[in-house]
Protein backbone atom coordinates (compact mmCIF):
# COMPACT_ATOMS: atom_id res chain seq x y z
CA MET A 1 20.74 -4.64 -2.52
CA LYS A 2 18.29 -1.79 -1.96
CA VAL A 3 14.86 -3.17 -1.08
CA GLY A 4 11.96 -0.76 -0.76
CA LEU A 5 8.66 -1.30 1.00
CA VAL A 6 5.27 0.35 0.70
CA HIS A 7 2.62 -1.11 2.96
CA GLY A 8 -0.98 -0.22 3.63
CA ARG A 9 -4.59 -1.22 3.20
CA PHE A 10 -4.95 0.20 -0.33
CA GLN A 11 -8.72 0.61 0.01
CA PRO A 12 -8.51 1.47 -2.89
CA PHE A 13 -5.05 1.81 -4.43
CA HIS A 14 -4.97 5.51 -5.41
CA ASN A 15 -2.67 8.06 -7.06
CA GLY A 16 -0.89 8.78 -3.77
CA HIS A 17 0.01 5.10 -3.43
CA LYS A 18 1.13 5.03 -7.05
CA PHE A 19 3.39 8.03 -6.41
CA LEU A 20 5.08 6.18 -3.51
CA VAL A 21 5.48 2.95 -5.47
CA ASP A 22 6.86 4.74 -8.54
CA LYS A 23 9.41 6.53 -6.34
CA MET A 24 10.39 3.25 -4.70
CA LEU A 25 10.85 1.53 -8.06
CA LYS A 26 13.11 4.34 -9.29
CA GLU A 27 15.32 4.26 -6.19
CA CYS A 28 15.50 0.56 -5.30
CA ASP A 29 16.70 -2.67 -6.84
CA ALA A 30 13.52 -4.40 -5.69
CA GLY A 31 10.22 -3.07 -4.40
CA VAL A 32 7.64 -4.79 -2.23
CA ILE A 33 4.03 -3.83 -1.67
CA LEU A 34 2.48 -5.44 1.39
CA ILE A 35 -1.29 -5.35 1.62
CA GLY A 36 -2.78 -5.24 5.10
CA SER A 37 -6.25 -5.79 6.57
CA VAL A 38 -6.56 -8.94 4.50
CA GLY A 39 -9.32 -10.54 6.55
CA LYS A 40 -11.51 -7.48 6.87
CA LYS A 41 -14.52 -6.84 4.66
CA ASP A 42 -16.74 -3.95 5.70
CA LYS A 43 -17.57 -0.38 4.71
CA LYS A 44 -14.06 0.76 5.66
CA ASN A 45 -12.52 -2.19 3.77
CA PRO A 46 -14.75 -2.79 0.73
CA PHE A 47 -12.13 -4.45 -1.49
CA SER A 48 -10.91 -8.00 -1.00
CA LEU A 49 -7.24 -8.93 -1.01
CA ASP A 50 -7.63 -10.34 -4.52
CA GLU A 51 -9.26 -7.14 -5.79
CA ARG A 52 -6.46 -5.01 -4.34
CA LYS A 53 -3.82 -7.30 -5.85
CA GLU A 54 -5.61 -7.03 -9.18
CA MET A 55 -5.56 -3.21 -8.96
CA ILE A 56 -1.79 -3.23 -8.45
CA LYS A 57 -1.12 -5.88 -11.11
CA LYS A 58 -3.19 -3.97 -13.68
CA ILE A 59 -1.00 -0.89 -13.12
CA TYR A 60 2.43 -2.48 -12.90
CA GLY A 61 1.92 -5.54 -15.09
CA LYS A 62 4.96 -7.72 -15.21
CA ASN A 63 7.41 -5.28 -13.65
CA LYS A 64 10.10 -7.69 -12.43
CA LYS A 65 11.30 -5.25 -9.75
CA LEU A 66 7.92 -5.21 -7.97
CA LEU A 67 6.61 -7.98 -5.76
CA VAL A 68 3.22 -7.95 -4.05
CA GLY A 69 2.34 -9.78 -0.86
CA ALA A 70 0.21 -9.46 2.24
CA ASN A 71 0.81 -9.21 5.94
CA ILE A 72 -1.18 -10.51 8.87
CA ASP A 73 -3.06 -8.06 11.03
CA LEU A 74 -1.99 -7.33 14.57
CA ASP A 75 -3.42 -5.00 17.15
CA SER A 76 -3.16 -1.33 16.33
CA PRO A 77 0.37 -0.34 15.22
CA TYR A 78 0.24 2.16 18.06
CA SER A 79 0.17 -0.65 20.58
CA LYS A 80 3.44 -1.09 22.49
CA ASN A 81 3.19 -4.84 21.93
CA ALA A 82 2.70 -4.69 18.16
CA GLN A 83 6.11 -5.33 16.59
CA TRP A 84 5.23 -4.17 13.08
CA ASP A 85 8.87 -3.82 12.07
CA VAL A 86 9.40 -7.53 12.73
CA VAL A 87 6.18 -8.59 11.01
CA LEU A 88 6.71 -6.45 7.92
CA SER A 89 10.41 -7.19 7.52
CA SER A 90 9.72 -10.93 7.88
CA CYS A 91 7.17 -10.68 5.08
CA VAL A 92 9.67 -8.84 2.86
CA LEU A 93 12.40 -11.37 3.69
CA SER A 94 10.13 -14.27 2.72
CA ILE A 95 9.24 -12.62 -0.60
CA VAL A 96 12.59 -11.18 -1.70
CA GLY A 97 15.17 -13.04 0.37
CA GLU A 98 16.43 -9.71 1.77
CA LEU A 99 15.33 -7.38 4.52
CA PRO A 100 13.85 -4.01 3.55
CA THR A 101 16.28 -1.12 3.49
CA LYS A 102 13.87 1.75 2.83
CA ILE A 103 10.24 2.43 3.73
CA TYR A 104 8.14 4.77 1.58
CA SER A 105 5.27 6.46 3.40
CA GLY A 106 3.31 9.60 4.08
CA ARG A 107 4.42 12.12 6.67
CA ASP A 108 1.97 10.77 9.25
CA TYR A 109 3.67 7.36 9.27
CA SER A 110 4.24 6.17 12.82
CA VAL A 111 5.37 2.54 12.74
CA PRO A 112 8.47 2.30 14.94
CA TRP A 113 11.37 0.47 13.29
CA GLU A 114 13.43 -0.38 16.36
CA ARG A 115 14.52 -3.97 15.72
CA VAL A 116 15.16 -3.71 11.98
CA LYS A 117 17.13 -0.71 10.79
CA VAL A 118 15.71 0.95 7.69
CA LYS A 119 15.61 4.42 6.22
CA ILE A 120 12.11 5.88 6.33
CA ASN A 121 11.30 8.15 3.41
CA LYS A 122 8.28 10.23 4.40
CA VAL A 123 6.73 12.32 1.66
CA LYS A 124 4.03 14.96 1.69
CA ARG A 125 0.55 13.63 1.02
CA TYR A 126 0.14 13.51 -2.76
CA ASP A 127 -2.55 16.01 -3.83
CA ASP A 128 -4.17 15.61 -0.38
CA ILE A 129 -5.60 12.28 -1.50
CA SER A 130 -7.28 10.19 1.18
CA GLY A 131 -8.56 6.64 0.80
CA THR A 132 -11.34 7.49 3.26
CA ASP A 133 -12.47 10.39 1.07
CA ILE A 134 -12.33 8.21 -2.05
CA LYS A 135 -14.49 5.53 -0.42
CA LYS A 136 -17.02 8.19 0.54
CA LEU A 137 -17.16 9.38 -3.07
CA ILE A 138 -17.59 5.78 -4.26
CA TYR A 139 -20.51 5.17 -1.90
CA GLU A 140 -22.05 8.48 -3.02
CA LYS A 141 -21.63 7.33 -6.66
CA LYS A 142 -19.53 10.41 -7.52
CA PHE A 143 -17.46 8.50 -10.03
CA GLU A 144 -16.25 11.50 -12.04
CA GLU A 145 -14.46 12.74 -8.91
CA VAL A 146 -13.15 9.26 -8.10
CA LYS A 147 -11.75 9.04 -11.63
CA THR A 148 -9.37 11.94 -10.90
CA LEU A 149 -7.98 10.32 -7.72
CA VAL A 150 -7.15 6.79 -8.82
CA PRO A 151 -5.19 5.28 -11.71
CA LYS A 152 -7.37 4.45 -14.71
CA GLU A 153 -6.83 0.72 -14.16
CA VAL A 154 -8.23 1.02 -10.64
CA PHE A 155 -11.13 3.17 -11.78
CA LYS A 156 -12.21 0.43 -14.16
CA ILE A 157 -12.28 -2.09 -11.30
CA ILE A 158 -14.23 0.33 -9.08
CA LYS A 159 -16.82 0.96 -11.81
CA GLU A 160 -17.27 -2.79 -12.36
CA ARG A 161 -17.67 -3.41 -8.63
CA PHE A 162 -19.97 -0.50 -7.80
């Protein structure tokens, strides 16, 4: 069984994330989205776990191939002691009953998968979209620009929240 994984903070879930998830759903038997930074709520992480889950559910509805979960936070993934491959694959295993076989990410992805063997599918940044840039636009109330960078379902949530 081909099991895909897209993981990130999704602050907010934007068109680049949607591109990765759509690709995963086309290529895999099951797809998992793992949401990170679940306990953080600050300017860098303005959306709660529930809000981010809602964004994803509004887009993908009842797609039976897609499962959404969360992962605990560890020290920076660049830390030699942070075994992200073990943490993330354990989350996927608990949700799907299978280990991930393919990771979908941007080209700057740097999580080492040394203990769990997967294929990493790195793609060029979609339309140069950055969650950091989107948050800046949100805080500046430049909603017409935000509207072009996120799915319409997410834009509605952003407008209600801000």
